Each structure stands twice: as structure tokens, then as C-alpha cells.
Amino acid sequence: MAEVFFLTRGHIDHVEKFVRSMRNLWFPFQAVKKVKDENGKEFEMPVNSTIDGQLRPYQLWGYVCPEQFVEPLCNSLGIPTDETYFDQEAGSGGTSFISGKGVKFELEAMRLLLGAKKLPKPDEKDPRGKPILTQPIYKQFVNVLGIGYRPDEKGKTMSGEHELI
């Protein structure tokens, strides 16, 4: 078996259609089955069958929001975490995969490639706690890996200087 890596980008409705079509792919697969003959002698027999492809979603997302909500969004998502480059086991930092491979180096490399800034660390001195979004985000069974953010672009129009969308 082999795993092909690629990124997707597009309108979510079309991406979901792409995902559904990828889940419907089946491939011919030749396996070997051990069988016994009438005398109890064991031998291998080739068996032709089919196997479905597995779409494993390693997804790169970009979420656009006003810059003042970057920290509350990150706090609501639980990013960034305290993982270091040396964490190798799930649970040892927060973003390691269950396979035990830490992802800190890969996340930093992706941040640099995307031209993004580091995610803001929450202010631990804030007596009111970390600011979070008022609407909860469903994250159960989802591993959210924080990469970075790019600040809003400023533009000048007749109304003055403001954020561009």
C-alpha cells in the first residue's frame, strides 16, 4: 500500500463533493490466502478481490476573521500548545499524532512557507481568564494543529485607511 499526499483548496461544497467521490474509489487487490487441502497440508492460494481507498484528511485550512479575534479564536481552538521539538508521544505536548511522531518542526516549516506569523500565546496574567469565542467550536475527535496567521492587509480608500477583505 502507498499513501499519496496532496492539499485541497476551494469552496467547501465542492471540496465535500470531491471527498465523496474519493471515498467511492475501489481498487483490484490480489492477496494470498492460506488454505488446507483434504490431507491437512497447508498452502497459499492467490485470491483476487477489491479494496476501497482510504481518504485520510490531513487538511490545511485558512480561516479569515478580523484581526482582533485571532487570539480568542486560537484560545477556543486550543492553539498554540506547549509542544516542543522533542515531544515524541501523544499527550506529551498537545499536537503530536497518535503514532507518536511530534509535528512541531513540520508546523514551523509550514508557517515559514506560508509567510505567517507565530500564533499569539495567551496572556496568563489576565485575571479574567483567556478570551474565547462566545460560540463553542466542536472539536471532539479532531486534532487541531496551529500553524500561524497573517495579519489583515490595510488599504486606503475615500473613507480612510481600513482592513481589506
N, C-alpha and C. Protein backbone atom coordinates (compact mmCIF):
# COMPACT_ATOMS: atom_id res chain seq x y z
N MET A 1 0.84 -1.17 0.00
CA MET A 1 0.00 0.00 0.00
C MET A 1 0.89 1.24 0.00
N ALA A 2 0.37 2.32 -0.56
CA ALA A 2 1.10 3.58 -0.63
C ALA A 2 0.17 4.71 -0.21
N GLU A 3 0.74 5.81 0.26
CA GLU A 3 -0.05 6.98 0.63
C GLU A 3 0.43 8.17 -0.18
N VAL A 4 -0.49 8.79 -0.92
CA VAL A 4 -0.20 9.95 -1.75
C VAL A 4 -0.65 11.19 -0.98
N PHE A 5 0.22 12.18 -0.83
CA PHE A 5 -0.11 13.40 -0.09
C PHE A 5 -0.41 14.53 -1.05
N PHE A 6 -1.47 15.30 -0.78
CA PHE A 6 -1.81 16.48 -1.56
C PHE A 6 -2.66 17.41 -0.71
N LEU A 7 -2.74 18.67 -1.11
CA LEU A 7 -3.56 19.66 -0.42
C LEU A 7 -4.75 20.00 -1.30
N THR A 8 -5.85 20.38 -0.70
CA THR A 8 -7.00 20.85 -1.46
C THR A 8 -7.32 22.28 -1.05
N ARG A 9 -7.93 22.98 -1.97
CA ARG A 9 -8.37 24.34 -1.69
C ARG A 9 -9.56 24.61 -2.58
N GLY A 10 -10.57 25.21 -2.05
CA GLY A 10 -11.74 25.54 -2.85
C GLY A 10 -12.96 25.75 -1.99
N HIS A 11 -14.06 26.04 -2.63
CA HIS A 11 -15.32 26.25 -1.92
C HIS A 11 -15.69 24.95 -1.22
N ILE A 12 -16.14 25.04 0.02
CA ILE A 12 -16.35 23.86 0.85
C ILE A 12 -17.35 22.89 0.22
N ASP A 13 -18.37 23.38 -0.45
CA ASP A 13 -19.34 22.47 -1.10
C ASP A 13 -18.66 21.61 -2.15
N HIS A 14 -17.79 22.20 -2.94
CA HIS A 14 -17.09 21.46 -3.98
C HIS A 14 -16.04 20.52 -3.38
N VAL A 15 -15.39 20.96 -2.31
CA VAL A 15 -14.41 20.10 -1.64
C VAL A 15 -15.13 18.87 -1.06
N GLU A 16 -16.31 19.07 -0.49
CA GLU A 16 -17.06 17.94 0.06
C GLU A 16 -17.49 16.97 -1.04
N LYS A 17 -17.84 17.47 -2.23
CA LYS A 17 -18.16 16.59 -3.36
C LYS A 17 -16.92 15.81 -3.79
N PHE A 18 -15.76 16.48 -3.79
CA PHE A 18 -14.51 15.81 -4.11
C PHE A 18 -14.24 14.68 -3.12
N VAL A 19 -14.45 14.97 -1.82
CA VAL A 19 -14.23 13.96 -0.78
C VAL A 19 -15.16 12.77 -0.98
N ARG A 20 -16.43 13.03 -1.28
CA ARG A 20 -17.37 11.93 -1.50
C ARG A 20 -16.95 11.07 -2.69
N SER A 21 -16.47 11.71 -3.76
CA SER A 21 -16.05 10.91 -4.92
C SER A 21 -14.79 10.11 -4.63
N MET A 22 -13.88 10.66 -3.80
CA MET A 22 -12.66 9.92 -3.45
C MET A 22 -12.98 8.73 -2.55
N ARG A 23 -14.02 8.85 -1.72
CA ARG A 23 -14.40 7.75 -0.84
C ARG A 23 -15.04 6.60 -1.61
N ASN A 24 -15.47 6.85 -2.82
CA ASN A 24 -16.15 5.83 -3.61
C ASN A 24 -15.21 5.04 -4.53
N LEU A 25 -13.92 5.23 -4.40
CA LEU A 25 -12.97 4.51 -5.26
C LEU A 25 -12.64 3.14 -4.69
N TRP A 26 -12.71 2.13 -5.55
CA TRP A 26 -12.34 0.76 -5.19
C TRP A 26 -11.27 0.29 -6.15
N PHE A 27 -10.35 -0.53 -5.68
CA PHE A 27 -9.24 -0.99 -6.49
C PHE A 27 -9.14 -2.51 -6.45
N PRO A 28 -8.72 -3.12 -7.59
CA PRO A 28 -8.49 -4.56 -7.55
C PRO A 28 -7.28 -4.84 -6.65
N PHE A 29 -7.38 -5.93 -5.92
CA PHE A 29 -6.34 -6.25 -4.95
C PHE A 29 -6.11 -7.75 -4.95
N GLN A 30 -4.86 -8.14 -5.14
CA GLN A 30 -4.54 -9.57 -5.12
C GLN A 30 -3.88 -9.89 -3.78
N ALA A 31 -4.48 -10.82 -3.07
CA ALA A 31 -3.97 -11.24 -1.77
C ALA A 31 -3.65 -12.72 -1.81
N VAL A 32 -3.05 -13.20 -0.76
CA VAL A 32 -2.72 -14.62 -0.63
C VAL A 32 -3.48 -15.15 0.58
N LYS A 33 -4.19 -16.24 0.36
CA LYS A 33 -4.96 -16.85 1.44
C LYS A 33 -4.40 -18.23 1.73
N LYS A 34 -4.23 -18.53 3.03
CA LYS A 34 -3.73 -19.85 3.42
C LYS A 34 -4.92 -20.80 3.52
N VAL A 35 -4.81 -21.93 2.84
CA VAL A 35 -5.88 -22.94 2.87
C VAL A 35 -5.26 -24.31 3.13
N LYS A 36 -6.10 -25.25 3.57
CA LYS A 36 -5.65 -26.63 3.81
C LYS A 36 -6.39 -27.54 2.84
N ASP A 37 -5.65 -28.51 2.31
CA ASP A 37 -6.30 -29.48 1.44
C ASP A 37 -6.89 -30.62 2.29
N GLU A 38 -7.42 -31.64 1.64
CA GLU A 38 -8.08 -32.74 2.35
C GLU A 38 -7.15 -33.51 3.28
N ASN A 39 -5.85 -33.49 2.97
CA ASN A 39 -4.87 -34.21 3.77
C ASN A 39 -4.31 -33.36 4.91
N GLY A 40 -4.77 -32.11 5.03
CA GLY A 40 -4.29 -31.22 6.10
C GLY A 40 -3.05 -30.44 5.73
N LYS A 41 -2.60 -30.58 4.48
CA LYS A 41 -1.42 -29.85 4.04
C LYS A 41 -1.82 -28.40 3.76
N GLU A 42 -1.05 -27.45 4.35
CA GLU A 42 -1.35 -26.02 4.20
C GLU A 42 -0.57 -25.45 3.02
N PHE A 43 -1.24 -24.66 2.21
CA PHE A 43 -0.57 -23.97 1.11
C PHE A 43 -1.26 -22.63 0.86
N GLU A 44 -0.58 -21.78 0.11
CA GLU A 44 -1.09 -20.44 -0.17
C GLU A 44 -1.76 -20.42 -1.53
N MET A 45 -2.90 -19.74 -1.59
CA MET A 45 -3.64 -19.64 -2.83
C MET A 45 -3.91 -18.16 -3.13
N PRO A 46 -3.58 -17.66 -4.34
CA PRO A 46 -3.87 -16.26 -4.65
C PRO A 46 -5.37 -16.02 -4.74
N VAL A 47 -5.79 -14.89 -4.21
CA VAL A 47 -7.21 -14.53 -4.21
C VAL A 47 -7.34 -13.12 -4.77
N ASN A 48 -8.21 -12.96 -5.75
CA ASN A 48 -8.48 -11.64 -6.31
C ASN A 48 -9.71 -11.06 -5.63
N SER A 49 -9.58 -9.84 -5.14
CA SER A 49 -10.71 -9.16 -4.51
C SER A 49 -10.59 -7.67 -4.78
N THR A 50 -11.40 -6.89 -4.13
CA THR A 50 -11.31 -5.44 -4.25
C THR A 50 -11.11 -4.83 -2.87
N ILE A 51 -10.54 -3.65 -2.86
CA ILE A 51 -10.30 -2.93 -1.61
C ILE A 51 -10.63 -1.47 -1.85
N ASP A 52 -11.22 -0.83 -0.86
CA ASP A 52 -11.55 0.59 -1.03
C ASP A 52 -10.36 1.44 -0.63
N GLY A 53 -10.20 2.56 -1.35
CA GLY A 53 -9.16 3.51 -1.00
C GLY A 53 -9.54 4.24 0.28
N GLN A 54 -8.57 4.64 1.05
CA GLN A 54 -8.83 5.34 2.31
C GLN A 54 -8.41 6.80 2.16
N LEU A 55 -9.37 7.69 2.27
CA LEU A 55 -9.08 9.11 2.25
C LEU A 55 -8.83 9.54 3.69
N ARG A 56 -7.59 9.90 3.98
CA ARG A 56 -7.19 10.31 5.33
C ARG A 56 -7.02 11.82 5.32
N PRO A 57 -7.91 12.55 5.96
CA PRO A 57 -7.89 14.02 5.83
C PRO A 57 -6.83 14.72 6.66
N TYR A 58 -5.67 14.96 6.06
CA TYR A 58 -4.69 15.89 6.61
C TYR A 58 -5.02 17.20 5.90
N GLN A 59 -5.82 18.07 6.50
CA GLN A 59 -6.32 19.23 5.79
C GLN A 59 -5.64 20.51 6.25
N LEU A 60 -5.31 21.35 5.29
CA LEU A 60 -4.77 22.67 5.58
C LEU A 60 -5.92 23.66 5.41
N TRP A 61 -6.27 24.35 6.47
CA TRP A 61 -7.38 25.28 6.43
C TRP A 61 -6.88 26.70 6.61
N GLY A 62 -7.54 27.63 5.97
CA GLY A 62 -7.33 29.05 6.20
C GLY A 62 -8.65 29.64 6.65
N TYR A 63 -8.70 30.27 7.80
CA TYR A 63 -9.93 30.84 8.33
C TYR A 63 -9.74 32.35 8.46
N VAL A 64 -10.61 33.12 7.84
CA VAL A 64 -10.48 34.56 7.83
C VAL A 64 -11.41 35.17 8.86
N CYS A 65 -10.86 36.01 9.73
CA CYS A 65 -11.65 36.73 10.72
C CYS A 65 -10.95 38.05 11.00
N PRO A 66 -11.66 39.02 11.62
CA PRO A 66 -11.00 40.28 11.97
C PRO A 66 -9.82 40.01 12.91
N GLU A 67 -8.78 40.82 12.75
CA GLU A 67 -7.53 40.58 13.47
C GLU A 67 -7.69 40.58 14.98
N GLN A 68 -8.61 41.36 15.53
CA GLN A 68 -8.78 41.40 16.99
C GLN A 68 -9.37 40.11 17.54
N PHE A 69 -9.88 39.24 16.67
CA PHE A 69 -10.45 37.96 17.12
C PHE A 69 -9.49 36.78 16.93
N VAL A 70 -8.25 37.04 16.50
CA VAL A 70 -7.29 35.95 16.31
C VAL A 70 -7.01 35.24 17.62
N GLU A 71 -6.73 36.00 18.68
CA GLU A 71 -6.43 35.38 19.98
C GLU A 71 -7.62 34.61 20.55
N PRO A 72 -8.84 35.19 20.58
CA PRO A 72 -9.98 34.40 21.08
C PRO A 72 -10.24 33.14 20.25
N LEU A 73 -10.05 33.23 18.92
CA LEU A 73 -10.23 32.04 18.08
C LEU A 73 -9.20 30.98 18.42
N CYS A 74 -7.94 31.39 18.56
CA CYS A 74 -6.87 30.44 18.91
C CYS A 74 -7.13 29.80 20.28
N ASN A 75 -7.57 30.60 21.24
CA ASN A 75 -7.86 30.07 22.58
C ASN A 75 -9.01 29.07 22.51
N SER A 76 -10.03 29.36 21.70
CA SER A 76 -11.17 28.45 21.56
C SER A 76 -10.77 27.14 20.89
N LEU A 77 -9.80 27.22 19.97
CA LEU A 77 -9.31 26.01 19.27
C LEU A 77 -8.25 25.27 20.07
N GLY A 78 -7.71 25.89 21.11
CA GLY A 78 -6.66 25.25 21.92
C GLY A 78 -5.30 25.31 21.27
N ILE A 79 -5.04 26.34 20.46
CA ILE A 79 -3.75 26.51 19.81
C ILE A 79 -3.18 27.87 20.16
N PRO A 80 -1.86 28.06 20.21
CA PRO A 80 -0.84 27.03 20.10
C PRO A 80 -0.75 26.23 21.39
N THR A 81 -0.05 25.10 21.32
CA THR A 81 0.13 24.27 22.50
C THR A 81 1.55 24.42 23.01
N ASP A 82 1.87 23.72 24.07
CA ASP A 82 3.21 23.79 24.67
C ASP A 82 4.14 22.72 24.14
N GLU A 83 3.83 22.15 22.97
CA GLU A 83 4.68 21.10 22.42
C GLU A 83 6.06 21.65 22.05
N THR A 84 7.08 20.86 22.27
CA THR A 84 8.44 21.23 21.90
C THR A 84 8.89 20.36 20.72
N TYR A 85 10.07 20.64 20.21
CA TYR A 85 10.62 19.86 19.10
C TYR A 85 10.93 18.43 19.51
N PHE A 86 11.06 18.19 20.81
CA PHE A 86 11.50 16.88 21.28
C PHE A 86 10.36 15.98 21.73
N ASP A 87 9.11 16.49 21.75
CA ASP A 87 7.97 15.65 22.14
C ASP A 87 7.75 14.57 21.08
N GLN A 88 7.65 13.33 21.52
CA GLN A 88 7.50 12.23 20.58
C GLN A 88 6.29 11.36 20.86
N GLU A 89 5.57 11.59 21.94
CA GLU A 89 4.44 10.74 22.28
C GLU A 89 3.17 11.56 22.35
N ALA A 90 2.07 10.95 21.96
CA ALA A 90 0.79 11.62 22.06
C ALA A 90 0.54 12.01 23.51
N GLY A 91 0.08 13.23 23.70
CA GLY A 91 -0.19 13.70 25.05
C GLY A 91 1.01 14.37 25.70
N SER A 92 2.20 14.29 25.11
CA SER A 92 3.36 14.89 25.73
C SER A 92 3.46 16.38 25.44
N GLY A 93 2.72 16.87 24.47
CA GLY A 93 2.76 18.29 24.18
C GLY A 93 1.42 18.84 23.77
N GLY A 94 0.63 18.07 23.09
CA GLY A 94 -0.69 18.53 22.72
C GLY A 94 -1.02 18.37 21.25
N THR A 95 -0.02 18.40 20.37
CA THR A 95 -0.33 18.29 18.95
C THR A 95 0.29 17.07 18.28
N SER A 96 0.95 16.23 19.04
CA SER A 96 1.57 15.04 18.46
C SER A 96 0.49 14.10 17.95
N PHE A 97 0.80 13.41 16.87
CA PHE A 97 -0.13 12.43 16.34
C PHE A 97 -0.11 11.19 17.22
N ILE A 98 -1.14 10.39 17.18
CA ILE A 98 -1.24 9.18 17.99
C ILE A 98 -0.10 8.22 17.67
N SER A 99 0.43 8.29 16.45
CA SER A 99 1.53 7.41 16.08
C SER A 99 2.79 7.70 16.90
N GLY A 100 2.77 8.83 17.63
CA GLY A 100 3.92 9.17 18.46
C GLY A 100 4.89 10.11 17.80
N LYS A 101 4.62 10.52 16.55
CA LYS A 101 5.53 11.42 15.86
C LYS A 101 5.16 12.86 16.18
N GLY A 102 6.09 13.60 16.74
CA GLY A 102 5.85 15.01 17.01
C GLY A 102 5.78 15.80 15.71
N VAL A 103 5.05 16.93 15.71
CA VAL A 103 4.86 17.68 14.48
C VAL A 103 5.36 19.12 14.59
N LYS A 104 6.03 19.47 15.65
CA LYS A 104 6.46 20.85 15.86
C LYS A 104 7.35 21.35 14.72
N PHE A 105 8.31 20.57 14.29
CA PHE A 105 9.21 21.01 13.22
C PHE A 105 8.44 21.24 11.92
N GLU A 106 7.54 20.32 11.58
CA GLU A 106 6.76 20.45 10.35
C GLU A 106 5.85 21.67 10.39
N LEU A 107 5.26 21.95 11.56
CA LEU A 107 4.38 23.11 11.68
C LEU A 107 5.16 24.41 11.52
N GLU A 108 6.35 24.49 12.10
CA GLU A 108 7.17 25.69 11.95
C GLU A 108 7.60 25.88 10.50
N ALA A 109 7.95 24.79 9.82
CA ALA A 109 8.33 24.88 8.41
C ALA A 109 7.16 25.36 7.56
N MET A 110 5.96 24.84 7.83
CA MET A 110 4.78 25.28 7.09
C MET A 110 4.47 26.75 7.35
N ARG A 111 4.66 27.19 8.60
CA ARG A 111 4.42 28.59 8.93
C ARG A 111 5.33 29.50 8.12
N LEU A 112 6.60 29.13 8.03
CA LEU A 112 7.55 29.92 7.26
C LEU A 112 7.22 29.90 5.77
N LEU A 113 6.83 28.74 5.25
CA LEU A 113 6.47 28.65 3.83
C LEU A 113 5.23 29.48 3.50
N LEU A 114 4.30 29.57 4.44
CA LEU A 114 3.08 30.34 4.22
C LEU A 114 3.27 31.84 4.48
N GLY A 115 4.44 32.21 4.98
CA GLY A 115 4.70 33.62 5.29
C GLY A 115 3.85 34.11 6.45
N ALA A 116 3.59 33.24 7.42
CA ALA A 116 2.71 33.57 8.53
C ALA A 116 3.50 33.92 9.79
N LYS A 117 2.85 34.67 10.67
CA LYS A 117 3.44 35.00 11.96
C LYS A 117 3.09 33.90 12.96
N LYS A 118 3.84 33.86 14.06
CA LYS A 118 3.53 32.88 15.11
C LYS A 118 2.19 33.22 15.75
N LEU A 119 1.47 32.18 16.16
CA LEU A 119 0.19 32.38 16.82
C LEU A 119 0.41 33.05 18.17
N PRO A 120 -0.51 33.93 18.59
CA PRO A 120 -0.33 34.61 19.87
C PRO A 120 -0.50 33.65 21.05
N LYS A 121 0.43 33.74 21.97
CA LYS A 121 0.31 32.94 23.20
C LYS A 121 -0.68 33.64 24.12
N PRO A 122 -1.51 32.88 24.81
CA PRO A 122 -2.47 33.52 25.72
C PRO A 122 -1.77 34.22 26.88
N ASP A 123 -2.35 35.34 27.29
CA ASP A 123 -1.80 36.10 28.41
C ASP A 123 -2.20 35.41 29.71
N GLU A 124 -1.25 34.75 30.35
CA GLU A 124 -1.54 34.00 31.58
C GLU A 124 -1.79 34.94 32.76
N LYS A 125 -1.40 36.22 32.65
CA LYS A 125 -1.58 37.16 33.74
C LYS A 125 -2.99 37.74 33.78
N ASP A 126 -3.78 37.49 32.77
CA ASP A 126 -5.13 38.05 32.70
C ASP A 126 -5.99 37.41 33.78
N PRO A 127 -6.44 38.16 34.78
CA PRO A 127 -7.21 37.56 35.89
C PRO A 127 -8.59 37.07 35.44
N ARG A 128 -9.10 37.56 34.33
CA ARG A 128 -10.41 37.14 33.87
C ARG A 128 -10.34 35.84 33.07
N GLY A 129 -9.16 35.34 32.85
CA GLY A 129 -9.01 34.14 32.04
C GLY A 129 -8.74 34.49 30.59
N LYS A 130 -8.52 33.48 29.80
CA LYS A 130 -8.22 33.69 28.39
C LYS A 130 -9.50 34.06 27.64
N PRO A 131 -9.43 35.07 26.75
CA PRO A 131 -10.62 35.39 25.97
C PRO A 131 -10.93 34.26 24.98
N ILE A 132 -12.19 33.84 24.94
CA ILE A 132 -12.62 32.80 24.00
C ILE A 132 -13.83 33.32 23.24
N LEU A 133 -14.20 32.63 22.18
CA LEU A 133 -15.38 33.00 21.41
C LEU A 133 -16.64 32.61 22.18
N THR A 134 -17.70 33.37 22.00
CA THR A 134 -18.94 33.08 22.72
C THR A 134 -19.64 31.85 22.15
N GLN A 135 -19.38 31.54 20.89
CA GLN A 135 -19.99 30.35 20.29
C GLN A 135 -18.99 29.20 20.36
N PRO A 136 -19.35 28.09 21.00
CA PRO A 136 -18.40 26.97 21.12
C PRO A 136 -18.09 26.34 19.76
N ILE A 137 -16.90 25.78 19.66
CA ILE A 137 -16.45 25.11 18.43
C ILE A 137 -16.37 23.62 18.72
N TYR A 138 -17.03 22.81 17.90
CA TYR A 138 -16.99 21.36 18.08
C TYR A 138 -15.61 20.86 17.68
N LYS A 139 -14.90 20.20 18.62
CA LYS A 139 -13.55 19.70 18.35
C LYS A 139 -13.36 18.25 18.76
N GLN A 140 -14.42 17.58 19.17
CA GLN A 140 -14.27 16.22 19.66
C GLN A 140 -13.75 15.32 18.53
N PHE A 141 -12.72 14.54 18.81
CA PHE A 141 -12.09 13.62 17.87
C PHE A 141 -11.43 14.35 16.69
N VAL A 142 -11.11 15.64 16.84
CA VAL A 142 -10.45 16.41 15.80
C VAL A 142 -9.14 16.93 16.37
N ASN A 143 -8.05 16.64 15.71
CA ASN A 143 -6.74 17.13 16.14
C ASN A 143 -6.48 18.45 15.41
N VAL A 144 -6.51 19.56 16.13
CA VAL A 144 -6.29 20.88 15.55
C VAL A 144 -4.84 21.26 15.76
N LEU A 145 -4.12 21.48 14.67
CA LEU A 145 -2.70 21.82 14.73
C LEU A 145 -2.52 23.26 14.28
N GLY A 146 -2.12 24.14 15.18
CA GLY A 146 -1.94 25.54 14.85
C GLY A 146 -0.65 25.78 14.08
N ILE A 147 -0.73 26.57 13.01
CA ILE A 147 0.45 26.87 12.19
C ILE A 147 0.87 28.32 12.39
N GLY A 148 0.01 29.27 12.12
CA GLY A 148 0.34 30.68 12.22
C GLY A 148 -0.80 31.51 11.65
N TYR A 149 -0.58 32.81 11.54
CA TYR A 149 -1.60 33.68 10.95
C TYR A 149 -0.94 34.80 10.18
N ARG A 150 -1.66 35.35 9.24
CA ARG A 150 -1.22 36.53 8.52
C ARG A 150 -2.16 37.67 8.89
N PRO A 151 -1.62 38.81 9.30
CA PRO A 151 -2.48 39.92 9.69
C PRO A 151 -3.24 40.49 8.49
N ASP A 152 -4.33 41.20 8.81
CA ASP A 152 -5.13 41.82 7.76
C ASP A 152 -4.31 42.83 6.98
N GLU A 153 -4.61 42.96 5.72
CA GLU A 153 -3.99 43.98 4.89
C GLU A 153 -4.74 45.29 5.11
N LYS A 154 -4.00 46.37 5.16
CA LYS A 154 -4.61 47.69 5.31
C LYS A 154 -4.68 48.33 3.93
N GLY A 155 -5.77 49.02 3.67
CA GLY A 155 -5.93 49.70 2.39
C GLY A 155 -6.48 51.09 2.57
N LYS A 156 -6.19 51.97 1.62
CA LYS A 156 -6.69 53.33 1.68
C LYS A 156 -7.77 53.51 0.62
N THR A 157 -8.88 54.03 1.06
CA THR A 157 -9.97 54.37 0.15
C THR A 157 -10.42 55.79 0.47
N MET A 158 -11.49 56.20 -0.15
CA MET A 158 -12.03 57.53 0.14
C MET A 158 -12.47 57.66 1.58
N SER A 159 -12.83 56.50 2.21
CA SER A 159 -13.28 56.52 3.60
C SER A 159 -12.13 56.55 4.59
N GLY A 160 -10.90 56.41 4.12
CA GLY A 160 -9.74 56.40 5.01
C GLY A 160 -9.05 55.04 4.96
N GLU A 161 -8.18 54.78 5.95
CA GLU A 161 -7.45 53.51 5.99
C GLU A 161 -8.26 52.50 6.79
N HIS A 162 -8.39 51.29 6.24
CA HIS A 162 -9.16 50.24 6.90
C HIS A 162 -8.68 48.89 6.42
N GLU A 163 -9.20 47.82 7.03
CA GLU A 163 -8.82 46.45 6.65
C GLU A 163 -9.42 46.09 5.30
N LEU A 164 -8.66 45.36 4.51
CA LEU A 164 -9.16 44.87 3.23
C LEU A 164 -9.69 43.46 3.39
N ILE A 165 -10.66 43.09 2.62
CA ILE A 165 -11.21 41.74 2.66
C ILE A 165 -10.85 41.02 1.39
